């Protein structure tokens, strides 16, 4: 990452409860894109360490709430 501040703009489709979730051979991952500069983007995939979709949704929501809190504090 660069020293430029990242801007978080999470787009969530209300009709898709699995938005930002990706199942890779039974394990759920969080998948999102960040824009460290106005001219670049980086796709991030992080294992949520679960095979249970309800646990994956909870972990996704927790991750994004921490991300928003961190950005608001900056």
Protein backbone atom coordinates (compact mmCIF):
# COMPACT_ATOMS: atom_id res chain seq x y z
CA UNK A 1 0.00 0.00 0.00
CA UNK A 2 1.01 3.59 -0.46
CA UNK A 3 0.94 6.45 1.98
CA UNK A 4 -2.21 7.76 0.29
CA UNK A 5 -5.30 7.28 2.45
CA UNK A 6 -7.70 4.65 1.26
CA UNK A 7 -11.35 5.51 0.90
CA UNK A 8 -13.80 2.79 1.78
CA UNK A 9 -17.00 2.63 -0.16
CA UNK A 10 -18.66 -0.70 0.45
CA UNK A 11 -21.48 -1.47 -1.93
CA UNK A 12 -23.93 -4.01 -0.57
CA UNK A 13 -26.79 -5.44 -2.60
CA UNK A 14 -29.82 -5.63 -0.31
CA UNK A 15 -31.27 -8.53 -2.29
CA UNK A 16 -28.07 -10.61 -1.90
CA UNK A 17 -27.29 -11.63 1.71
CA UNK A 18 -24.05 -13.26 0.53
CA UNK A 19 -22.61 -10.11 -1.00
CA UNK A 20 -18.79 -10.03 -0.62
CA UNK A 21 -18.77 -13.74 0.24
CA UNK A 22 -17.13 -16.37 -1.92
CA UNK A 23 -17.21 -20.14 -1.40
CA UNK A 24 -13.91 -21.80 -2.30
CA UNK A 25 -14.24 -25.58 -2.05
CA UNK A 26 -16.49 -25.37 1.01
CA UNK A 27 -14.65 -22.60 2.90
CA UNK A 28 -16.12 -19.10 2.89
CA UNK A 29 -13.94 -16.14 1.99
CA UNK A 30 -14.45 -12.38 2.19
CA UNK A 31 -13.86 -10.77 -1.21
CA UNK A 32 -13.67 -7.01 -1.72
CA UNK A 33 -11.76 -4.36 -3.67
CA UNK A 34 -9.79 -1.38 -2.31
CA UNK A 35 -8.53 1.65 -4.24
CA UNK A 36 -5.26 2.74 -2.61
CA UNK A 37 -4.88 5.52 -5.21
CA UNK A 38 -7.33 7.01 -7.71
CA UNK A 39 -5.59 5.04 -10.46
CA UNK A 40 -5.13 1.61 -8.90
CA UNK A 41 -7.22 -1.10 -7.31
CA UNK A 42 -6.46 -4.21 -5.33
CA UNK A 43 -8.71 -7.23 -4.87
CA UNK A 44 -8.59 -8.68 -1.39
CA UNK A 45 -9.65 -12.21 -0.49
CA UNK A 46 -9.48 -13.36 3.11
CA UNK A 47 -10.52 -16.70 4.51
CA UNK A 48 -13.28 -16.48 7.08
CA UNK A 49 -12.24 -19.89 8.37
CA UNK A 50 -15.68 -21.45 8.29
CA UNK A 51 -17.87 -23.70 6.20
CA UNK A 52 -21.05 -22.30 7.80
CA UNK A 53 -22.70 -19.49 5.81
CA UNK A 54 -24.32 -17.86 8.84
CA UNK A 55 -20.95 -17.68 10.64
CA UNK A 56 -19.38 -16.29 7.45
CA UNK A 57 -22.03 -13.54 7.24
CA UNK A 58 -21.44 -12.59 10.88
CA UNK A 59 -17.67 -12.46 10.40
CA UNK A 60 -18.08 -10.38 7.21
CA UNK A 61 -20.33 -7.90 9.00
CA UNK A 62 -17.92 -7.68 11.94
CA UNK A 63 -14.97 -7.09 9.62
CA UNK A 64 -16.74 -4.28 7.75
CA UNK A 65 -17.97 -2.63 10.97
CA UNK A 66 -14.36 -2.56 12.27
CA UNK A 67 -13.19 -1.20 8.92
CA UNK A 68 -15.76 1.62 9.01
CA UNK A 69 -14.90 2.45 12.65
CA UNK A 70 -11.20 2.59 11.80
CA UNK A 71 -11.85 4.91 8.86
CA UNK A 72 -14.14 7.17 10.91
CA UNK A 73 -11.44 7.52 13.59
CA UNK A 74 -8.81 8.55 11.02
